[in-house]
Amino acid sequence: MTNNNQTYSTKPNPDDRSDNVEKLQSMIHNTIENIEAAEDSLACTDSETQKQQIQAKNERRRESIESFRSEVKDEANQQS
């Protein structure tokens, strides 16, 4: 039998923000792609309720993009 009792360190991981800008830019890119895909789906949707839901979700996505961009500026200023 093997002993699976292991001791784990409680040492926290260091705060590595070196790639935050890249991650945020990737999130912006992905969100823009999601907006475009949702807008394409609007053309295939007959339900007014679904159209309103898609439009509302895209509006929230646009707000998220603005927040991401603000964070990118903050991170870039901190790295300078």
PDB file of N, CA and C in Angstrom:
ATOM      1  N   MET A   1       0.826  -1.192   0.000  1.00  0.00           N
ATOM      2  CA  MET A   1       0.000   0.000   0.000  1.00  0.00           C
ATOM      3  C   MET A   1       0.870   1.255   0.000  1.00  0.00           C
ATOM      4  N   THR A   2       0.405   2.242  -0.702  1.00  0.00           N
ATOM      5  CA  THR A   2       1.146   3.496  -0.718  1.00  0.00           C
ATOM      6  C   THR A   2       0.465   4.482   0.209  1.00  0.00           C
ATOM      7  N   ASN A   3       1.247   5.360   0.737  1.00  0.00           N
ATOM      8  CA  ASN A   3       0.720   6.378   1.631  1.00  0.00           C
ATOM      9  C   ASN A   3       0.438   7.642   0.817  1.00  0.00           C
ATOM     10  N   ASN A   4      -0.824   8.024   0.736  1.00  0.00           N
ATOM     11  CA  ASN A   4      -1.208   9.202  -0.043  1.00  0.00           C
ATOM     12  C   ASN A   4      -1.290  10.460   0.807  1.00  0.00           C
ATOM     13  N   ASN A   5      -0.883  10.347   2.062  1.00  0.00           N
ATOM     14  CA  ASN A   5      -0.886  11.532   2.926  1.00  0.00           C
ATOM     15  C   ASN A   5       0.322  12.384   2.596  1.00  0.00           C
ATOM     16  N   GLN A   6       0.056  13.516   1.972  1.00  0.00           N
ATOM     17  CA  GLN A   6       1.136  14.411   1.608  1.00  0.00           C
ATOM     18  C   GLN A   6       0.932  15.737   2.316  1.00  0.00           C
ATOM     19  N   THR A   7       2.010  16.382   2.605  1.00  0.00           N
ATOM     20  CA  THR A   7       1.941  17.688   3.224  1.00  0.00           C
ATOM     21  C   THR A   7       2.079  18.729   2.121  1.00  0.00           C
ATOM     22  N   TYR A   8       1.145  19.654   2.110  1.00  0.00           N
ATOM     23  CA  TYR A   8       1.170  20.699   1.092  1.00  0.00           C
ATOM     24  C   TYR A   8       1.583  22.009   1.732  1.00  0.00           C
ATOM     25  N   SER A   9       2.355  22.753   1.014  1.00  0.00           N
ATOM     26  CA  SER A   9       2.814  24.042   1.496  1.00  0.00           C
ATOM     27  C   SER A   9       1.663  25.037   1.470  1.00  0.00           C
ATOM     28  N   THR A  10       1.591  25.855   2.473  1.00  0.00           N
ATOM     29  CA  THR A  10       0.568  26.894   2.508  1.00  0.00           C
ATOM     30  C   THR A  10       1.116  28.220   2.008  1.00  0.00           C
ATOM     31  N   LYS A  11       2.291  28.174   1.429  1.00  0.00           N
ATOM     32  CA  LYS A  11       2.920  29.374   0.889  1.00  0.00           C
ATOM     33  C   LYS A  11       2.107  29.878  -0.308  1.00  0.00           C
ATOM     34  N   PRO A  12       1.685  31.143  -0.293  1.00  0.00           N
ATOM     35  CA  PRO A  12       0.896  31.658  -1.424  1.00  0.00           C
ATOM     36  C   PRO A  12       1.744  31.798  -2.673  1.00  0.00           C
ATOM     37  N   ASN A  13       1.085  31.695  -3.801  1.00  0.00           N
ATOM     38  CA  ASN A  13       1.770  31.913  -5.070  1.00  0.00           C
ATOM     39  C   ASN A  13       2.113  33.391  -5.206  1.00  0.00           C
ATOM     40  N   PRO A  14       3.245  33.697  -5.805  1.00  0.00           N
ATOM     41  CA  PRO A  14       3.594  35.111  -5.995  1.00  0.00           C
ATOM     42  C   PRO A  14       2.606  35.779  -6.953  1.00  0.00           C
ATOM     43  N   ASP A  15       2.421  37.060  -6.762  1.00  0.00           N
ATOM     44  CA  ASP A  15       1.499  37.829  -7.597  1.00  0.00           C
ATOM     45  C   ASP A  15       2.207  38.196  -8.890  1.00  0.00           C
ATOM     46  N   ASP A  16       1.987  37.385  -9.928  1.00  0.00           N
ATOM     47  CA  ASP A  16       2.648  37.607 -11.216  1.00  0.00           C
ATOM     48  C   ASP A  16       1.683  38.276 -12.172  1.00  0.00           C
ATOM     49  N   ARG A  17       1.883  39.550 -12.395  1.00  0.00           N
ATOM     50  CA  ARG A  17       1.010  40.320 -13.275  1.00  0.00           C
ATOM     51  C   ARG A  17       1.665  40.615 -14.616  1.00  0.00           C
ATOM     52  N   SER A  18       2.747  39.935 -14.898  1.00  0.00           N
ATOM     53  CA  SER A  18       3.527  40.261 -16.090  1.00  0.00           C
ATOM     54  C   SER A  18       2.762  40.034 -17.388  1.00  0.00           C
ATOM     55  N   ASP A  19       1.785  39.130 -17.382  1.00  0.00           N
ATOM     56  CA  ASP A  19       1.051  38.852 -18.614  1.00  0.00           C
ATOM     57  C   ASP A  19      -0.409  39.291 -18.550  1.00  0.00           C
ATOM     58  N   ASN A  20      -0.753  40.142 -17.596  1.00  0.00           N
ATOM     59  CA  ASN A  20      -2.140  40.596 -17.473  1.00  0.00           C
ATOM     60  C   ASN A  20      -2.625  41.349 -18.708  1.00  0.00           C
ATOM     61  N   VAL A  21      -1.780  42.187 -19.274  1.00  0.00           N
ATOM     62  CA  VAL A  21      -2.186  42.965 -20.457  1.00  0.00           C
ATOM     63  C   VAL A  21      -2.525  42.017 -21.602  1.00  0.00           C
ATOM     64  N   GLU A  22      -1.693  41.018 -21.804  1.00  0.00           N
ATOM     65  CA  GLU A  22      -1.935  40.057 -22.881  1.00  0.00           C
ATOM     66  C   GLU A  22      -3.230  39.282 -22.634  1.00  0.00           C
ATOM     67  N   LYS A  23      -3.447  38.887 -21.391  1.00  0.00           N
ATOM     68  CA  LYS A  23      -4.682  38.155 -21.059  1.00  0.00           C
ATOM     69  C   LYS A  23      -5.906  39.027 -21.288  1.00  0.00           C
ATOM     70  N   LEU A  24      -5.827  40.273 -20.867  1.00  0.00           N
ATOM     71  CA  LEU A  24      -6.953  41.187 -21.062  1.00  0.00           C
ATOM     72  C   LEU A  24      -7.213  41.431 -22.545  1.00  0.00           C
ATOM     73  N   GLN A  25      -6.148  41.583 -23.325  1.00  0.00           N
ATOM     74  CA  GLN A  25      -6.321  41.792 -24.762  1.00  0.00           C
ATOM     75  C   GLN A  25      -6.951  40.560 -25.413  1.00  0.00           C
ATOM     76  N   SER A  26      -6.584  39.391 -24.947  1.00  0.00           N
ATOM     77  CA  SER A  26      -7.188  38.163 -25.451  1.00  0.00           C
ATOM     78  C   SER A  26      -8.675  38.109 -25.090  1.00  0.00           C
ATOM     79  N   MET A  27      -8.993  38.543 -23.883  1.00  0.00           N
ATOM     80  CA  MET A  27     -10.394  38.560 -23.461  1.00  0.00           C
ATOM     81  C   MET A  27     -11.205  39.541 -24.313  1.00  0.00           C
ATOM     82  N   ILE A  28     -10.610  40.686 -24.622  1.00  0.00           N
ATOM     83  CA  ILE A  28     -11.279  41.667 -25.481  1.00  0.00           C
ATOM     84  C   ILE A  28     -11.538  41.056 -26.857  1.00  0.00           C
ATOM     85  N   HIS A  29     -10.513  40.424 -27.414  1.00  0.00           N
ATOM     86  CA  HIS A  29     -10.636  39.801 -28.730  1.00  0.00           C
ATOM     87  C   HIS A  29     -11.739  38.741 -28.734  1.00  0.00           C
ATOM     88  N   ASN A  30     -11.755  37.883 -27.730  1.00  0.00           N
ATOM     89  CA  ASN A  30     -12.768  36.828 -27.647  1.00  0.00           C
ATOM     90  C   ASN A  30     -14.166  37.408 -27.497  1.00  0.00           C
ATOM     91  N   THR A  31     -14.288  38.463 -26.715  1.00  0.00           N
ATOM     92  CA  THR A  31     -15.597  39.085 -26.510  1.00  0.00           C
ATOM     93  C   THR A  31     -16.100  39.723 -27.797  1.00  0.00           C
ATOM     94  N   ILE A  32     -15.208  40.344 -28.550  1.00  0.00           N
ATOM     95  CA  ILE A  32     -15.599  40.925 -29.844  1.00  0.00           C
ATOM     96  C   ILE A  32     -16.071  39.824 -30.793  1.00  0.00           C
ATOM     97  N   GLU A  33     -15.364  38.705 -30.801  1.00  0.00           N
ATOM     98  CA  GLU A  33     -15.786  37.579 -31.641  1.00  0.00           C
ATOM     99  C   GLU A  33     -17.170  37.078 -31.227  1.00  0.00           C
ATOM    100  N   ASN A  34     -17.437  37.041 -29.925  1.00  0.00           N
ATOM    101  CA  ASN A  34     -18.750  36.610 -29.442  1.00  0.00           C
ATOM    102  C   ASN A  34     -19.847  37.590 -29.866  1.00  0.00           C
ATOM    103  N   ILE A  35     -19.539  38.869 -29.831  1.00  0.00           N
ATOM    104  CA  ILE A  35     -20.508  39.880 -30.286  1.00  0.00           C
ATOM    105  C   ILE A  35     -20.828  39.660 -31.755  1.00  0.00           C
ATOM    106  N   GLU A  36     -19.794  39.464 -32.555  1.00  0.00           N
ATOM    107  CA  GLU A  36     -20.004  39.277 -33.994  1.00  0.00           C
ATOM    108  C   GLU A  36     -20.806  38.014 -34.276  1.00  0.00           C
ATOM    109  N   ALA A  37     -20.515  36.939 -33.575  1.00  0.00           N
ATOM    110  CA  ALA A  37     -21.265  35.687 -33.764  1.00  0.00           C
ATOM    111  C   ALA A  37     -22.722  35.864 -33.362  1.00  0.00           C
ATOM    112  N   ALA A  38     -22.947  36.592 -32.289  1.00  0.00           N
ATOM    113  CA  ALA A  38     -24.320  36.826 -31.842  1.00  0.00           C
ATOM    114  C   ALA A  38     -25.078  37.694 -32.843  1.00  0.00           C
ATOM    115  N   GLU A  39     -24.390  38.699 -33.403  1.00  0.00           N
ATOM    116  CA  GLU A  39     -25.046  39.541 -34.402  1.00  0.00           C
ATOM    117  C   GLU A  39     -25.374  38.747 -35.660  1.00  0.00           C
ATOM    118  N   ASP A  40     -24.509  37.804 -36.025  1.00  0.00           N
ATOM    119  CA  ASP A  40     -24.801  36.933 -37.161  1.00  0.00           C
ATOM    120  C   ASP A  40     -26.035  36.076 -36.879  1.00  0.00           C
ATOM    121  N   SER A  41     -26.171  35.636 -35.629  1.00  0.00           N
ATOM    122  CA  SER A  41     -27.315  34.791 -35.278  1.00  0.00           C
ATOM    123  C   SER A  41     -28.621  35.573 -35.281  1.00  0.00           C
ATOM    124  N   LEU A  42     -28.539  36.885 -35.133  1.00  0.00           N
ATOM    125  CA  LEU A  42     -29.751  37.710 -35.182  1.00  0.00           C
ATOM    126  C   LEU A  42     -30.473  37.555 -36.517  1.00  0.00           C
ATOM    127  N   ALA A  43     -29.712  37.407 -37.586  1.00  0.00           N
ATOM    128  CA  ALA A  43     -30.301  37.280 -38.921  1.00  0.00           C
ATOM    129  C   ALA A  43     -31.111  35.996 -39.052  1.00  0.00           C
ATOM    130  N   CYS A  44     -30.776  34.991 -38.253  1.00  0.00           N
ATOM    131  CA  CYS A  44     -31.457  33.692 -38.332  1.00  0.00           C
ATOM    132  C   CYS A  44     -32.547  33.534 -37.278  1.00  0.00           C
ATOM    133  N   THR A  45     -32.737  34.553 -36.469  1.00  0.00           N
ATOM    134  CA  THR A  45     -33.686  34.466 -35.361  1.00  0.00           C
ATOM    135  C   THR A  45     -34.968  35.195 -35.716  1.00  0.00           C
ATOM    136  N   ASP A  46     -36.091  34.482 -35.566  1.00  0.00           N
ATOM    137  CA  ASP A  46     -37.396  35.082 -35.829  1.00  0.00           C
ATOM    138  C   ASP A  46     -38.049  35.618 -34.563  1.00  0.00           C
ATOM    139  N   SER A  47     -37.683  35.062 -33.432  1.00  0.00           N
ATOM    140  CA  SER A  47     -38.308  35.436 -32.171  1.00  0.00           C
ATOM    141  C   SER A  47     -37.819  36.806 -31.715  1.00  0.00           C
ATOM    142  N   GLU A  48     -38.765  37.680 -31.481  1.00  0.00           N
ATOM    143  CA  GLU A  48     -38.424  39.027 -31.005  1.00  0.00           C
ATOM    144  C   GLU A  48     -37.804  38.955 -29.615  1.00  0.00           C
ATOM    145  N   THR A  49     -38.268  38.028 -28.798  1.00  0.00           N
ATOM    146  CA  THR A  49     -37.718  37.850 -27.452  1.00  0.00           C
ATOM    147  C   THR A  49     -36.256  37.450 -27.527  1.00  0.00           C
ATOM    148  N   GLN A  50     -35.936  36.503 -28.398  1.00  0.00           N
ATOM    149  CA  GLN A  50     -34.544  36.076 -28.549  1.00  0.00           C
ATOM    150  C   GLN A  50     -33.673  37.207 -29.071  1.00  0.00           C
ATOM    151  N   LYS A  51     -34.209  37.986 -30.004  1.00  0.00           N
ATOM    152  CA  LYS A  51     -33.460  39.123 -30.537  1.00  0.00           C
ATOM    153  C   LYS A  51     -33.131  40.122 -29.428  1.00  0.00           C
ATOM    154  N   GLN A  52     -34.114  40.397 -28.571  1.00  0.00           N
ATOM    155  CA  GLN A  52     -33.899  41.333 -27.476  1.00  0.00           C
ATOM    156  C   GLN A  52     -32.863  40.789 -26.494  1.00  0.00           C
ATOM    157  N   GLN A  53     -32.911  39.479 -26.238  1.00  0.00           N
ATOM    158  CA  GLN A  53     -31.952  38.859 -25.328  1.00  0.00           C
ATOM    159  C   GLN A  53     -30.530  38.945 -25.896  1.00  0.00           C
ATOM    160  N   ILE A  54     -30.408  38.681 -27.183  1.00  0.00           N
ATOM    161  CA  ILE A  54     -29.094  38.752 -27.838  1.00  0.00           C
ATOM    162  C   ILE A  54     -28.566  40.177 -27.796  1.00  0.00           C
ATOM    163  N   GLN A  55     -29.427  41.137 -28.096  1.00  0.00           N
ATOM    164  CA  GLN A  55     -29.006  42.532 -28.088  1.00  0.00           C
ATOM    165  C   GLN A  55     -28.606  42.980 -26.684  1.00  0.00           C
ATOM    166  N   ALA A  56     -29.352  42.537 -25.674  1.00  0.00           N
ATOM    167  CA  ALA A  56     -29.024  42.893 -24.291  1.00  0.00           C
ATOM    168  C   ALA A  56     -27.684  42.275 -23.883  1.00  0.00           C
ATOM    169  N   LYS A  57     -27.475  41.035 -24.280  1.00  0.00           N
ATOM    170  CA  LYS A  57     -26.215  40.374 -23.940  1.00  0.00           C
ATOM    171  C   LYS A  57     -25.046  41.062 -24.633  1.00  0.00           C
ATOM    172  N   ASN A  58     -25.232  41.446 -25.884  1.00  0.00           N
ATOM    173  CA  ASN A  58     -24.167  42.157 -26.592  1.00  0.00           C
ATOM    174  C   ASN A  58     -23.874  43.507 -25.950  1.00  0.00           C
ATOM    175  N   GLU A  59     -24.889  44.160 -25.428  1.00  0.00           N
ATOM    176  CA  GLU A  59     -24.667  45.430 -24.735  1.00  0.00           C
ATOM    177  C   GLU A  59     -23.821  45.195 -23.481  1.00  0.00           C
ATOM    178  N   ARG A  60     -24.106  44.132 -22.751  1.00  0.00           N
ATOM    179  CA  ARG A  60     -23.288  43.799 -21.578  1.00  0.00           C
ATOM    180  C   ARG A  60     -21.864  43.456 -21.998  1.00  0.00           C
ATOM    181  N   ARG A  61     -21.728  42.787 -23.126  1.00  0.00           N
ATOM    182  CA  ARG A  61     -20.392  42.466 -23.636  1.00  0.00           C
ATOM    183  C   ARG A  61     -19.626  43.746 -23.978  1.00  0.00           C
ATOM    184  N   ARG A  62     -20.303  44.701 -24.584  1.00  0.00           N
ATOM    185  CA  ARG A  62     -19.642  45.973 -24.925  1.00  0.00           C
ATOM    186  C   ARG A  62     -19.187  46.701 -23.654  1.00  0.00           C
ATOM    187  N   GLU A  63     -20.010  46.637 -22.621  1.00  0.00           N
ATOM    188  CA  GLU A  63     -19.635  47.242 -21.342  1.00  0.00           C
ATOM    189  C   GLU A  63     -18.411  46.532 -20.761  1.00  0.00           C
ATOM    190  N   SER A  64     -18.377  45.213 -20.900  1.00  0.00           N
ATOM    191  CA  SER A  64     -17.219  44.445 -20.416  1.00  0.00           C
ATOM    192  C   SER A  64     -15.960  44.834 -21.165  1.00  0.00           C
ATOM    193  N   ILE A  65     -16.088  45.030 -22.461  1.00  0.00           N
ATOM    194  CA  ILE A  65     -14.932  45.430 -23.269  1.00  0.00           C
ATOM    195  C   ILE A  65     -14.383  46.759 -22.762  1.00  0.00           C
ATOM    196  N   GLU A  66     -15.265  47.696 -22.459  1.00  0.00           N
ATOM    197  CA  GLU A  66     -14.805  48.988 -21.942  1.00  0.00           C
ATOM    198  C   GLU A  66     -14.071  48.807 -20.615  1.00  0.00           C
ATOM    199  N   SER A  67     -14.568  47.925 -19.765  1.00  0.00           N
ATOM    200  CA  SER A  67     -13.898  47.648 -18.491  1.00  0.00           C
ATOM    201  C   SER A  67     -12.541  46.997 -18.729  1.00  0.00           C
ATOM    202  N   PHE A  68     -12.498  46.053 -19.662  1.00  0.00           N
ATOM    203  CA  PHE A  68     -11.224  45.401 -19.991  1.00  0.00           C
ATOM    204  C   PHE A  68     -10.209  46.426 -20.489  1.00  0.00           C
ATOM    205  N   ARG A  69     -10.665  47.316 -21.347  1.00  0.00           N
ATOM    206  CA  ARG A  69      -9.757  48.335 -21.903  1.00  0.00           C
ATOM    207  C   ARG A  69      -9.239  49.254 -20.801  1.00  0.00           C
ATOM    208  N   SER A  70     -10.095  49.586 -19.861  1.00  0.00           N
ATOM    209  CA  SER A  70      -9.675  50.406 -18.736  1.00  0.00           C
ATOM    210  C   SER A  70      -8.619  49.670 -17.905  1.00  0.00           C
ATOM    211  N   GLU A  71      -8.825  48.389 -17.705  1.00  0.00           N
ATOM    212  CA  GLU A  71      -7.854  47.586 -16.964  1.00  0.00           C
ATOM    213  C   GLU A  71      -6.528  47.488 -17.718  1.00  0.00           C
ATOM    214  N   VAL A  72      -6.586  47.376 -19.037  1.00  0.00           N
ATOM    215  CA  VAL A  72      -5.359  47.324 -19.839  1.00  0.00           C
ATOM    216  C   VAL A  72      -4.563  48.609 -19.619  1.00  0.00           C
ATOM    217  N   LYS A  73      -5.253  49.751 -19.641  1.00  0.00           N
ATOM    218  CA  LYS A  73      -4.569  51.035 -19.431  1.00  0.00           C
ATOM    219  C   LYS A  73      -3.940  51.071 -18.043  1.00  0.00           C
ATOM    220  N   ASP A  74      -4.679  50.621 -17.019  1.00  0.00           N
ATOM    221  CA  ASP A  74      -4.154  50.595 -15.661  1.00  0.00           C
ATOM    222  C   ASP A  74      -2.924  49.706 -15.554  1.00  0.00           C
ATOM    223  N   GLU A  75      -3.009  48.534 -16.125  1.00  0.00           N
ATOM    224  CA  GLU A  75      -1.887  47.582 -16.066  1.00  0.00           C
ATOM    225  C   GLU A  75      -0.675  48.134 -16.822  1.00  0.00           C
ATOM    226  N   ALA A  76      -0.919  48.729 -17.968  1.00  0.00           N
ATOM    227  CA  ALA A  76       0.192  49.279 -18.759  1.00  0.00           C
ATOM    228  C   ALA A  76       0.870  50.410 -17.989  1.00  0.00           C
ATOM    229  N   ASN A  77       0.084  51.219 -17.296  1.00  0.00           N
ATOM    230  CA  ASN A  77       0.666  52.312 -16.500  1.00  0.00           C
ATOM    231  C   ASN A  77       1.463  51.773 -15.322  1.00  0.00           C
ATOM    232  N   GLN A  78       1.003  50.694 -14.712  1.00  0.00           N
ATOM    233  CA  GLN A  78       1.717  50.108 -13.573  1.00  0.00           C
ATOM    234  C   GLN A  78       3.001  49.436 -13.995  1.00  0.00           C
ATOM    235  N   GLN A  79       3.032  48.909 -15.217  1.00  0.00           N
ATOM    236  CA  GLN A  79       4.224  48.232 -15.703  1.00  0.00           C
ATOM    237  C   GLN A  79       5.286  49.217 -16.166  1.00  0.00           C
ATOM    238  N   SER A  80       4.881  50.446 -16.410  1.00  0.00           N
ATOM    239  CA  SER A  80       5.830  51.466 -16.900  1.00  0.00           C
ATOM    240  C   SER A  80       6.723  51.957 -15.790  1.00  0.00           C
TER     241      SER A  80
END
